[in-house]
Amino acid sequence: MALSINANNNEKAGAWEFKLVGEIDLSNAHYFKQQMEAALTEKCQNISVDLANLNYIDSTGLGVIISVYGTIKKDGHCIKLLNPRDNVKKLLSISGLDKILC
């Protein structure tokens, strides 16, 4: 399955809002990273990622999230992962990202 990304800069909330649909794996994680980096190049701020329609994410996708988090944390910003499905929530828990990301 493909990955669809909707990115919106919510000025009122002071955050980039990403809505992900589909799957993130080795074949498309680079696209996810490009979209997040492009947004941050425009304006570095907090990020919220809605995972409600994300069916699957592998370690490559998690690596993108960790990489972006490392970049924005330097400027005092954070990433919030919202509405993960049970299978994604389990992976976040196993990896410890559920405790690291704000």
PDB file of N, CA and C in Angstrom:
ATOM      1  N   MET A   1       0.837  -1.182   0.000  1.00  0.00           N
ATOM      2  CA  MET A   1       0.000   0.000   0.000  1.00  0.00           C
ATOM      3  C   MET A   1       0.878   1.240   0.000  1.00  0.00           C
ATOM      4  N   ALA A   2       0.416   2.265  -0.619  1.00  0.00           N
ATOM      5  CA  ALA A   2       1.154   3.516  -0.730  1.00  0.00           C
ATOM      6  C   ALA A   2       0.991   4.355   0.534  1.00  0.00           C
ATOM      7  N   LEU A   3       1.735   5.429   0.561  1.00  0.00           N
ATOM      8  CA  LEU A   3       1.672   6.367   1.666  1.00  0.00           C
ATOM      9  C   LEU A   3       1.154   7.696   1.151  1.00  0.00           C
ATOM     10  N   SER A   4       0.183   8.254   1.848  1.00  0.00           N
ATOM     11  CA  SER A   4      -0.330   9.587   1.555  1.00  0.00           C
ATOM     12  C   SER A   4      -0.063  10.461   2.774  1.00  0.00           C
ATOM     13  N   ILE A   5       0.452  11.665   2.516  1.00  0.00           N
ATOM     14  CA  ILE A   5       0.792  12.584   3.603  1.00  0.00           C
ATOM     15  C   ILE A   5       0.107  13.918   3.351  1.00  0.00           C
ATOM     16  N   ASN A   6      -0.619  14.373   4.350  1.00  0.00           N
ATOM     17  CA  ASN A   6      -1.225  15.699   4.303  1.00  0.00           C
ATOM     18  C   ASN A   6      -0.532  16.531   5.377  1.00  0.00           C
ATOM     19  N   ALA A   7       0.183  17.571   4.959  1.00  0.00           N
ATOM     20  CA  ALA A   7       0.891  18.436   5.897  1.00  0.00           C
ATOM     21  C   ALA A   7       0.236  19.808   5.931  1.00  0.00           C
ATOM     22  N   ASN A   8       0.051  20.324   7.142  1.00  0.00           N
ATOM     23  CA  ASN A   8      -0.584  21.621   7.326  1.00  0.00           C
ATOM     24  C   ASN A   8       0.141  22.368   8.433  1.00  0.00           C
ATOM     25  N   ASN A   9       0.453  23.622   8.194  1.00  0.00           N
ATOM     26  CA  ASN A   9       1.064  24.448   9.218  1.00  0.00           C
ATOM     27  C   ASN A   9      -0.054  25.156   9.975  1.00  0.00           C
ATOM     28  N   ASN A  10      -0.288  24.728  11.198  1.00  0.00           N
ATOM     29  CA  ASN A  10      -1.326  25.322  12.038  1.00  0.00           C
ATOM     30  C   ASN A  10      -0.679  26.446  12.844  1.00  0.00           C
ATOM     31  N   GLU A  11      -0.779  27.651  12.327  1.00  0.00           N
ATOM     32  CA  GLU A  11      -0.153  28.813  12.976  1.00  0.00           C
ATOM     33  C   GLU A  11      -0.683  29.022  14.388  1.00  0.00           C
ATOM     34  N   LYS A  12      -1.989  28.817  14.575  1.00  0.00           N
ATOM     35  CA  LYS A  12      -2.593  29.042  15.889  1.00  0.00           C
ATOM     36  C   LYS A  12      -2.000  28.098  16.939  1.00  0.00           C
ATOM     37  N   ALA A  13      -1.807  26.828  16.545  1.00  0.00           N
ATOM     38  CA  ALA A  13      -1.235  25.842  17.465  1.00  0.00           C
ATOM     39  C   ALA A  13       0.288  25.902  17.495  1.00  0.00           C
ATOM     40  N   GLY A  14       0.879  26.589  16.529  1.00  0.00           N
ATOM     41  CA  GLY A  14       2.335  26.670  16.452  1.00  0.00           C
ATOM     42  C   GLY A  14       2.963  25.329  16.146  1.00  0.00           C
ATOM     43  N   ALA A  15       2.302  24.572  15.253  1.00  0.00           N
ATOM     44  CA  ALA A  15       2.798  23.221  14.954  1.00  0.00           C
ATOM     45  C   ALA A  15       2.483  22.814  13.516  1.00  0.00           C
ATOM     46  N   TRP A  16       3.351  21.989  12.988  1.00  0.00           N
ATOM     47  CA  TRP A  16       3.060  21.295  11.742  1.00  0.00           C
ATOM     48  C   TRP A  16       2.174  20.113  12.088  1.00  0.00           C
ATOM     49  N   GLU A  17       1.117  19.918  11.327  1.00  0.00           N
ATOM     50  CA  GLU A  17       0.224  18.781  11.516  1.00  0.00           C
ATOM     51  C   GLU A  17       0.323  17.876  10.298  1.00  0.00           C
ATOM     52  N   PHE A  18       0.746  16.650  10.548  1.00  0.00           N
ATOM     53  CA  PHE A  18       0.857  15.658   9.486  1.00  0.00           C
ATOM     54  C   PHE A  18      -0.212  14.595   9.696  1.00  0.00           C
ATOM     55  N   LYS A  19      -0.935  14.267   8.642  1.00  0.00           N
ATOM     56  CA  LYS A  19      -1.893  13.165   8.672  1.00  0.00           C
ATOM     57  C   LYS A  19      -1.381  12.117   7.696  1.00  0.00           C
ATOM     58  N   LEU A  20      -1.142  10.923   8.221  1.00  0.00           N
ATOM     59  CA  LEU A  20      -0.581   9.838   7.418  1.00  0.00           C
ATOM     60  C   LEU A  20      -1.655   8.809   7.108  1.00  0.00           C
ATOM     61  N   VAL A  21      -1.670   8.352   5.861  1.00  0.00           N
ATOM     62  CA  VAL A  21      -2.608   7.322   5.427  1.00  0.00           C
ATOM     63  C   VAL A  21      -1.813   6.260   4.679  1.00  0.00           C
ATOM     64  N   GLY A  22      -1.989   5.000   5.070  1.00  0.00           N
ATOM     65  CA  GLY A  22      -1.325   3.901   4.371  1.00  0.00           C
ATOM     66  C   GLY A  22      -0.282   3.225   5.229  1.00  0.00           C
ATOM     67  N   GLU A  23       0.900   3.052   4.632  1.00  0.00           N
ATOM     68  CA  GLU A  23       1.993   2.344   5.292  1.00  0.00           C
ATOM     69  C   GLU A  23       3.307   3.080   5.075  1.00  0.00           C
ATOM     70  N   ILE A  24       4.182   3.010   6.070  1.00  0.00           N
ATOM     71  CA  ILE A  24       5.545   3.526   5.936  1.00  0.00           C
ATOM     72  C   ILE A  24       6.488   2.357   6.076  1.00  0.00           C
ATOM     73  N   ASP A  25       7.280   2.155   5.030  1.00  0.00           N
ATOM     74  CA  ASP A  25       8.291   1.098   5.061  1.00  0.00           C
ATOM     75  C   ASP A  25       9.501   1.558   4.260  1.00  0.00           C
ATOM     76  N   LEU A  26      10.424   0.659   4.029  1.00  0.00           N
ATOM     77  CA  LEU A  26      11.668   0.975   3.333  1.00  0.00           C
ATOM     78  C   LEU A  26      11.419   1.627   1.978  1.00  0.00           C
ATOM     79  N   SER A  27      10.343   1.240   1.310  1.00  0.00           N
ATOM     80  CA  SER A  27      10.092   1.744  -0.037  1.00  0.00           C
ATOM     81  C   SER A  27       9.642   3.202  -0.084  1.00  0.00           C
ATOM     82  N   ASN A  28       9.114   3.743   1.014  1.00  0.00           N
ATOM     83  CA  ASN A  28       8.617   5.116   0.956  1.00  0.00           C
ATOM     84  C   ASN A  28       9.018   5.989   2.153  1.00  0.00           C
ATOM     85  N   ALA A  29       9.830   5.483   3.047  1.00  0.00           N
ATOM     86  CA  ALA A  29      10.241   6.275   4.212  1.00  0.00           C
ATOM     87  C   ALA A  29      10.990   7.535   3.791  1.00  0.00           C
ATOM     88  N   HIS A  30      11.730   7.454   2.689  1.00  0.00           N
ATOM     89  CA  HIS A  30      12.447   8.635   2.208  1.00  0.00           C
ATOM     90  C   HIS A  30      11.481   9.765   1.840  1.00  0.00           C
ATOM     91  N   TYR A  31      10.317   9.420   1.303  1.00  0.00           N
ATOM     92  CA  TYR A  31       9.294  10.413   0.961  1.00  0.00           C
ATOM     93  C   TYR A  31       8.767  11.083   2.237  1.00  0.00           C
ATOM     94  N   PHE A  32       8.510  10.293   3.266  1.00  0.00           N
ATOM     95  CA  PHE A  32       8.064  10.808   4.555  1.00  0.00           C
ATOM     96  C   PHE A  32       9.104  11.774   5.116  1.00  0.00           C
ATOM     97  N   LYS A  33      10.363  11.383   5.057  1.00  0.00           N
ATOM     98  CA  LYS A  33      11.438  12.229   5.568  1.00  0.00           C
ATOM     99  C   LYS A  33      11.536  13.531   4.773  1.00  0.00           C
ATOM    100  N   GLN A  34      11.434  13.446   3.458  1.00  0.00           N
ATOM    101  CA  GLN A  34      11.500  14.643   2.617  1.00  0.00           C
ATOM    102  C   GLN A  34      10.382  15.625   2.966  1.00  0.00           C
ATOM    103  N   GLN A  35       9.177  15.116   3.170  1.00  0.00           N
ATOM    104  CA  GLN A  35       8.043  15.967   3.499  1.00  0.00           C
ATOM    105  C   GLN A  35       8.238  16.663   4.843  1.00  0.00           C
ATOM    106  N   MET A  36       8.730  15.936   5.822  1.00  0.00           N
ATOM    107  CA  MET A  36       8.942  16.533   7.141  1.00  0.00           C
ATOM    108  C   MET A  36      10.082  17.558   7.096  1.00  0.00           C
ATOM    109  N   GLU A  37      11.159  17.222   6.418  1.00  0.00           N
ATOM    110  CA  GLU A  37      12.286  18.152   6.328  1.00  0.00           C
ATOM    111  C   GLU A  37      11.916  19.411   5.560  1.00  0.00           C
ATOM    112  N   ALA A  38      11.114  19.273   4.503  1.00  0.00           N
ATOM    113  CA  ALA A  38      10.671  20.441   3.736  1.00  0.00           C
ATOM    114  C   ALA A  38       9.844  21.374   4.618  1.00  0.00           C
ATOM    115  N   ALA A  39       8.972  20.806   5.415  1.00  0.00           N
ATOM    116  CA  ALA A  39       8.155  21.613   6.317  1.00  0.00           C
ATOM    117  C   ALA A  39       9.041  22.347   7.322  1.00  0.00           C
ATOM    118  N   LEU A  40       9.997  21.641   7.883  1.00  0.00           N
ATOM    119  CA  LEU A  40      10.859  22.248   8.892  1.00  0.00           C
ATOM    120  C   LEU A  40      11.798  23.289   8.300  1.00  0.00           C
ATOM    121  N   THR A  41      12.136  23.131   7.032  1.00  0.00           N
ATOM    122  CA  THR A  41      12.960  24.137   6.356  1.00  0.00           C
ATOM    123  C   THR A  41      12.168  25.430   6.222  1.00  0.00           C
ATOM    124  N   GLU A  42      10.869  25.277   5.955  1.00  0.00           N
ATOM    125  CA  GLU A  42       9.999  26.443   5.863  1.00  0.00           C
ATOM    126  C   GLU A  42       9.858  27.120   7.219  1.00  0.00           C
ATOM    127  N   LYS A  43       9.614  26.303   8.264  1.00  0.00           N
ATOM    128  CA  LYS A  43       9.475  26.847   9.616  1.00  0.00           C
ATOM    129  C   LYS A  43       9.674  25.723  10.624  1.00  0.00           C
ATOM    130  N   CYS A  44      10.687  25.859  11.470  1.00  0.00           N
ATOM    131  CA  CYS A  44      10.956  24.847  12.487  1.00  0.00           C
ATOM    132  C   CYS A  44      10.055  25.114  13.676  1.00  0.00           C
ATOM    133  N   GLN A  45       9.233  24.133  13.994  1.00  0.00           N
ATOM    134  CA  GLN A  45       8.323  24.240  15.130  1.00  0.00           C
ATOM    135  C   GLN A  45       7.887  22.851  15.559  1.00  0.00           C
ATOM    136  N   ASN A  46       6.989  22.766  16.523  1.00  0.00           N
ATOM    137  CA  ASN A  46       6.482  21.480  16.977  1.00  0.00           C
ATOM    138  C   ASN A  46       5.810  20.737  15.831  1.00  0.00           C
ATOM    139  N   ILE A  47       5.712  19.422  15.998  1.00  0.00           N
ATOM    140  CA  ILE A  47       5.086  18.573  14.985  1.00  0.00           C
ATOM    141  C   ILE A  47       4.084  17.662  15.676  1.00  0.00           C
ATOM    142  N   SER A  48       2.905  17.534  15.088  1.00  0.00           N
ATOM    143  CA  SER A  48       1.967  16.504  15.522  1.00  0.00           C
ATOM    144  C   SER A  48       1.710  15.605  14.321  1.00  0.00           C
ATOM    145  N   VAL A  49       1.716  14.313  14.583  1.00  0.00           N
ATOM    146  CA  VAL A  49       1.534  13.329  13.512  1.00  0.00           C
ATOM    147  C   VAL A  49       0.318  12.477  13.863  1.00  0.00           C
ATOM    148  N   ASP A  50      -0.726  12.588  13.051  1.00  0.00           N
ATOM    149  CA  ASP A  50      -1.938  11.800  13.251  1.00  0.00           C
ATOM    150  C   ASP A  50      -1.744  10.443  12.582  1.00  0.00           C
ATOM    151  N   LEU A  51      -1.736   9.398  13.403  1.00  0.00           N
ATOM    152  CA  LEU A  51      -1.479   8.039  12.934  1.00  0.00           C
ATOM    153  C   LEU A  51      -2.755   7.210  12.803  1.00  0.00           C
ATOM    154  N   ALA A  52      -3.920   7.834  12.908  1.00  0.00           N
ATOM    155  CA  ALA A  52      -5.189   7.098  12.917  1.00  0.00           C
ATOM    156  C   ALA A  52      -5.378   6.236  11.671  1.00  0.00           C
ATOM    157  N   ASN A  53      -4.868   6.690  10.534  1.00  0.00           N
ATOM    158  CA  ASN A  53      -5.039   5.950   9.279  1.00  0.00           C
ATOM    159  C   ASN A  53      -3.743   5.331   8.773  1.00  0.00           C
ATOM    160  N   LEU A  54      -2.773   5.210   9.672  1.00  0.00           N
ATOM    161  CA  LEU A  54      -1.525   4.537   9.321  1.00  0.00           C
ATOM    162  C   LEU A  54      -1.655   3.072   9.698  1.00  0.00           C
ATOM    163  N   ASN A  55      -1.621   2.214   8.699  1.00  0.00           N
ATOM    164  CA  ASN A  55      -1.819   0.779   8.911  1.00  0.00           C
ATOM    165  C   ASN A  55      -0.561   0.067   9.382  1.00  0.00           C
ATOM    166  N   TYR A  56       0.604   0.605   9.020  1.00  0.00           N
ATOM    167  CA  TYR A  56       1.858  -0.105   9.290  1.00  0.00           C
ATOM    168  C   TYR A  56       3.006   0.887   9.255  1.00  0.00           C
ATOM    169  N   ILE A  57       3.983   0.678  10.123  1.00  0.00           N
ATOM    170  CA  ILE A  57       5.238   1.420  10.084  1.00  0.00           C
ATOM    171  C   ILE A  57       6.345   0.458  10.482  1.00  0.00           C
ATOM    172  N   ASP A  58       7.451   0.481   9.753  1.00  0.00           N
ATOM    173  CA  ASP A  58       8.573  -0.396  10.099  1.00  0.00           C
ATOM    174  C   ASP A  58       9.684   0.433  10.738  1.00  0.00           C
ATOM    175  N   SER A  59      10.811  -0.206  10.980  1.00  0.00           N
ATOM    176  CA  SER A  59      11.917   0.472  11.666  1.00  0.00           C
ATOM    177  C   SER A  59      12.457   1.643  10.854  1.00  0.00           C
ATOM    178  N   THR A  60      12.335   1.603   9.533  1.00  0.00           N
ATOM    179  CA  THR A  60      12.792   2.718   8.707  1.00  0.00           C
ATOM    180  C   THR A  60      11.949   3.957   8.990  1.00  0.00           C
ATOM    181  N   GLY A  61      10.649   3.773   9.080  1.00  0.00           N
ATOM    182  CA  GLY A  61       9.759   4.880   9.403  1.00  0.00           C
ATOM    183  C   GLY A  61      10.004   5.420  10.796  1.00  0.00           C
ATOM    184  N   LEU A  62      10.227   4.511  11.752  1.00  0.00           N
ATOM    185  CA  LEU A  62      10.550   4.952  13.114  1.00  0.00           C
ATOM    186  C   LEU A  62      11.853   5.743  13.119  1.00  0.00           C
ATOM    187  N   GLY A  63      12.807   5.309  12.288  1.00  0.00           N
ATOM    188  CA  GLY A  63      14.080   6.017  12.177  1.00  0.00           C
ATOM    189  C   GLY A  63      13.902   7.444  11.686  1.00  0.00           C
ATOM    190  N   VAL A  64      12.966   7.648  10.769  1.00  0.00           N
ATOM    191  CA  VAL A  64      12.675   8.998  10.280  1.00  0.00           C
ATOM    192  C   VAL A  64      12.152   9.858  11.428  1.00  0.00           C
ATOM    193  N   ILE A  65      11.223   9.329  12.196  1.00  0.00           N
ATOM    194  CA  ILE A  65      10.660  10.078  13.323  1.00  0.00           C
ATOM    195  C   ILE A  65      11.742  10.426  14.335  1.00  0.00           C
ATOM    196  N   ILE A  66      12.604   9.474  14.643  1.00  0.00           N
ATOM    197  CA  ILE A  66      13.690   9.710  15.593  1.00  0.00           C
ATOM    198  C   ILE A  66      14.655  10.771  15.060  1.00  0.00           C
ATOM    199  N   SER A  67      14.982  10.694  13.785  1.00  0.00           N
ATOM    200  CA  SER A  67      15.892  11.657  13.171  1.00  0.00           C
ATOM    201  C   SER A  67      15.325  13.075  13.233  1.00  0.00           C
ATOM    202  N   VAL A  68      14.065  13.228  12.864  1.00  0.00           N
ATOM    203  CA  VAL A  68      13.430  14.543  12.887  1.00  0.00           C
ATOM    204  C   VAL A  68      13.317  15.049  14.323  1.00  0.00           C
ATOM    205  N   TYR A  69      12.982  14.160  15.237  1.00  0.00           N
ATOM    206  CA  TYR A  69      12.900  14.545  16.645  1.00  0.00           C
ATOM    207  C   TYR A  69      14.252  15.080  17.129  1.00  0.00           C
ATOM    208  N   GLY A  70      15.324  14.404  16.776  1.00  0.00           N
ATOM    209  CA  GLY A  70      16.657  14.857  17.169  1.00  0.00           C
ATOM    210  C   GLY A  70      16.974  16.242  16.637  1.00  0.00           C
ATOM    211  N   THR A  71      16.503  16.531  15.430  1.00  0.00           N
ATOM    212  CA  THR A  71      16.737  17.835  14.810  1.00  0.00           C
ATOM    213  C   THR A  71      15.962  18.938  15.514  1.00  0.00           C
ATOM    214  N   ILE A  72      14.675  18.718  15.765  1.00  0.00           N
ATOM    215  CA  ILE A  72      13.864  19.803  16.333  1.00  0.00           C
ATOM    216  C   ILE A  72      14.032  19.949  17.841  1.00  0.00           C
ATOM    217  N   LYS A  73      14.474  18.889  18.493  1.00  0.00           N
ATOM    218  CA  LYS A  73      14.668  18.951  19.946  1.00  0.00           C
ATOM    219  C   LYS A  73      15.725  19.997  20.297  1.00  0.00           C
ATOM    220  N   LYS A  74      16.713  20.170  19.426  1.00  0.00           N
ATOM    221  CA  LYS A  74      17.772  21.155  19.655  1.00  0.00           C
ATOM    222  C   LYS A  74      17.213  22.565  19.799  1.00  0.00           C
ATOM    223  N   ASP A  75      16.088  22.808  19.125  1.00  0.00           N
ATOM    224  CA  ASP A  75      15.456  24.132  19.167  1.00  0.00           C
ATOM    225  C   ASP A  75      14.308  24.199  20.181  1.00  0.00           C
ATOM    226  N   GLY A  76      14.182  23.163  21.021  1.00  0.00           N
ATOM    227  CA  GLY A  76      13.158  23.159  22.053  1.00  0.00           C
ATOM    228  C   GLY A  76      11.781  22.723  21.579  1.00  0.00           C
ATOM    229  N   HIS A  77      11.711  22.090  20.412  1.00  0.00           N
ATOM    230  CA  HIS A  77      10.435  21.636  19.872  1.00  0.00           C
ATOM    231  C   HIS A  77      10.254  20.140  20.118  1.00  0.00           C
ATOM    232  N   CYS A  78       9.031  19.655  19.897  1.00  0.00           N
ATOM    233  CA  CYS A  78       8.756  18.241  20.143  1.00  0.00           C
ATOM    234  C   CYS A  78       7.853  17.662  19.058  1.00  0.00           C
ATOM    235  N   ILE A  79       7.705  16.353  19.105  1.00  0.00           N
ATOM    236  CA  ILE A  79       6.811  15.626  18.205  1.00  0.00           C
ATOM    237  C   ILE A  79       5.762  14.926  19.062  1.00  0.00           C
ATOM    238  N   LYS A  80       4.512  15.043  18.658  1.00  0.00           N
ATOM    239  CA  LYS A  80       3.423  14.298  19.290  1.00  0.00           C
ATOM    240  C   LYS A  80       2.882  13.307  18.279  1.00  0.00           C
ATOM    241  N   LEU A  81       2.802  12.055  18.679  1.00  0.00           N
ATOM    242  CA  LEU A  81       2.212  11.015  17.838  1.00  0.00           C
ATOM    243  C   LEU A  81       0.806  10.766  18.350  1.00  0.00           C
ATOM    244  N   LEU A  82      -0.174  11.008  17.507  1.00  0.00           N
ATOM    245  CA  LEU A  82      -1.572  10.971  17.913  1.00  0.00           C
ATOM    246  C   LEU A  82      -2.326   9.803  17.282  1.00  0.00           C
ATOM    247  N   ASN A  83      -3.230   9.228  18.033  1.00  0.00           N
ATOM    248  CA  ASN A  83      -4.191   8.237  17.543  1.00  0.00           C
ATOM    249  C   ASN A  83      -3.594   6.999  16.864  1.00  0.00           C
ATOM    250  N   PRO A  84      -2.534   6.422  17.410  1.00  0.00           N
ATOM    251  CA  PRO A  84      -1.977   5.237  16.747  1.00  0.00           C
ATOM    252  C   PRO A  84      -2.920   4.036  16.872  1.00  0.00           C
ATOM    253  N   ARG A  85      -2.977   3.258  15.812  1.00  0.00           N
ATOM    254  CA  ARG A  85      -3.724   2.003  15.855  1.00  0.00           C
ATOM    255  C   ARG A  85      -2.996   1.048  16.798  1.00  0.00           C
ATOM    256  N   ASP A  86      -3.675  -0.006  17.218  1.00  0.00           N
ATOM    257  CA  ASP A  86      -3.102  -0.925  18.205  1.00  0.00           C
ATOM    258  C   ASP A  86      -1.762  -1.510  17.761  1.00  0.00           C
ATOM    259  N   ASN A  87      -1.644  -1.910  16.477  1.00  0.00           N
ATOM    260  CA  ASN A  87      -0.387  -2.507  16.020  1.00  0.00           C
ATOM    261  C   ASN A  87       0.752  -1.487  16.018  1.00  0.00           C
ATOM    262  N   VAL A  88       0.451  -0.245  15.676  1.00  0.00           N
ATOM    263  CA  VAL A  88       1.466   0.810  15.694  1.00  0.00           C
ATOM    264  C   VAL A  88       1.791   1.185  17.140  1.00  0.00           C
ATOM    265  N   LYS A  89       0.776   1.256  17.971  1.00  0.00           N
ATOM    266  CA  LYS A  89       0.969   1.562  19.395  1.00  0.00           C
ATOM    267  C   LYS A  89       1.888   0.526  20.047  1.00  0.00           C
ATOM    268  N   LYS A  90       1.708  -0.737  19.674  1.00  0.00           N
ATOM    269  CA  LYS A  90       2.552  -1.809  20.229  1.00  0.00           C
ATOM    270  C   LYS A  90       4.010  -1.610  19.824  1.00  0.00           C
ATOM    271  N   LEU A  91       4.241  -1.259  18.571  1.00  0.00           N
ATOM    272  CA  LEU A  91       5.605  -1.028  18.097  1.00  0.00           C
ATOM    273  C   LEU A  91       6.223   0.182  18.799  1.00  0.00           C
ATOM    274  N   LEU A  92       5.449   1.231  18.986  1.00  0.00           N
ATOM    275  CA  LEU A  92       5.952   2.410  19.703  1.00  0.00           C
ATOM    276  C   LEU A  92       6.301   2.058  21.139  1.00  0.00           C
ATOM    277  N   SER A  93       5.503   1.206  21.759  1.00  0.00           N
ATOM    278  CA  SER A  93       5.762   0.777  23.127  1.00  0.00           C
ATOM    279  C   SER A  93       7.008  -0.091  23.210  1.00  0.00           C
ATOM    280  N   ILE A  94       7.134  -1.056  22.308  1.00  0.00           N
ATOM    281  CA  ILE A  94       8.299  -1.942  22.293  1.00  0.00           C
ATOM    282  C   ILE A  94       9.586  -1.152  22.089  1.00  0.00           C
ATOM    283  N   SER A  95       9.528  -0.150  21.205  1.00  0.00           N
ATOM    284  CA  SER A  95      10.722   0.645  20.891  1.00  0.00           C
ATOM    285  C   SER A  95      11.006   1.710  21.952  1.00  0.00           C
ATOM    286  N   GLY A  96      10.036   1.977  22.837  1.00  0.00           N
ATOM    287  CA  GLY A  96      10.200   2.999  23.861  1.00  0.00           C
ATOM    288  C   GLY A  96       9.883   4.404  23.386  1.00  0.00           C
ATOM    289  N   LEU A  97       9.481   4.554  22.125  1.00  0.00           N
ATOM    290  CA  LEU A  97       9.195   5.874  21.596  1.00  0.00           C
ATOM    291  C   LEU A  97       7.966   6.494  22.237  1.00  0.00           C
ATOM    292  N   ASP A  98       7.079   5.677  22.738  1.00  0.00           N
ATOM    293  CA  ASP A  98       5.896   6.218  23.397  1.00  0.00           C
ATOM    294  C   ASP A  98       6.259   7.005  24.650  1.00  0.00           C
ATOM    295  N   LYS A  99       7.401   6.734  25.225  1.00  0.00           N
ATOM    296  CA  LYS A  99       7.840   7.440  26.430  1.00  0.00           C
ATOM    297  C   LYS A  99       8.787   8.600  26.110  1.00  0.00           C
ATOM    298  N   ILE A 100       9.462   8.533  24.967  1.00  0.00           N
ATOM    299  CA  ILE A 100      10.440   9.555  24.595  1.00  0.00           C
ATOM    300  C   ILE A 100       9.771  10.758  23.954  1.00  0.00           C
ATOM    301  N   LEU A 101       8.838  10.501  23.055  1.00  0.00           N
ATOM    302  CA  LEU A 101       8.205  11.590  22.322  1.00  0.00           C
ATOM    303  C   LEU A 101       7.104  12.211  23.166  1.00  0.00           C
ATOM    304  N   CYS A 102       7.050  13.535  23.140  1.00  0.00           N
ATOM    305  CA  CYS A 102       6.062  14.219  23.970  1.00  0.00           C
ATOM    306  C   CYS A 102       4.714  14.273  23.274  1.00  0.00           C
TER     307      CYS A 102
END
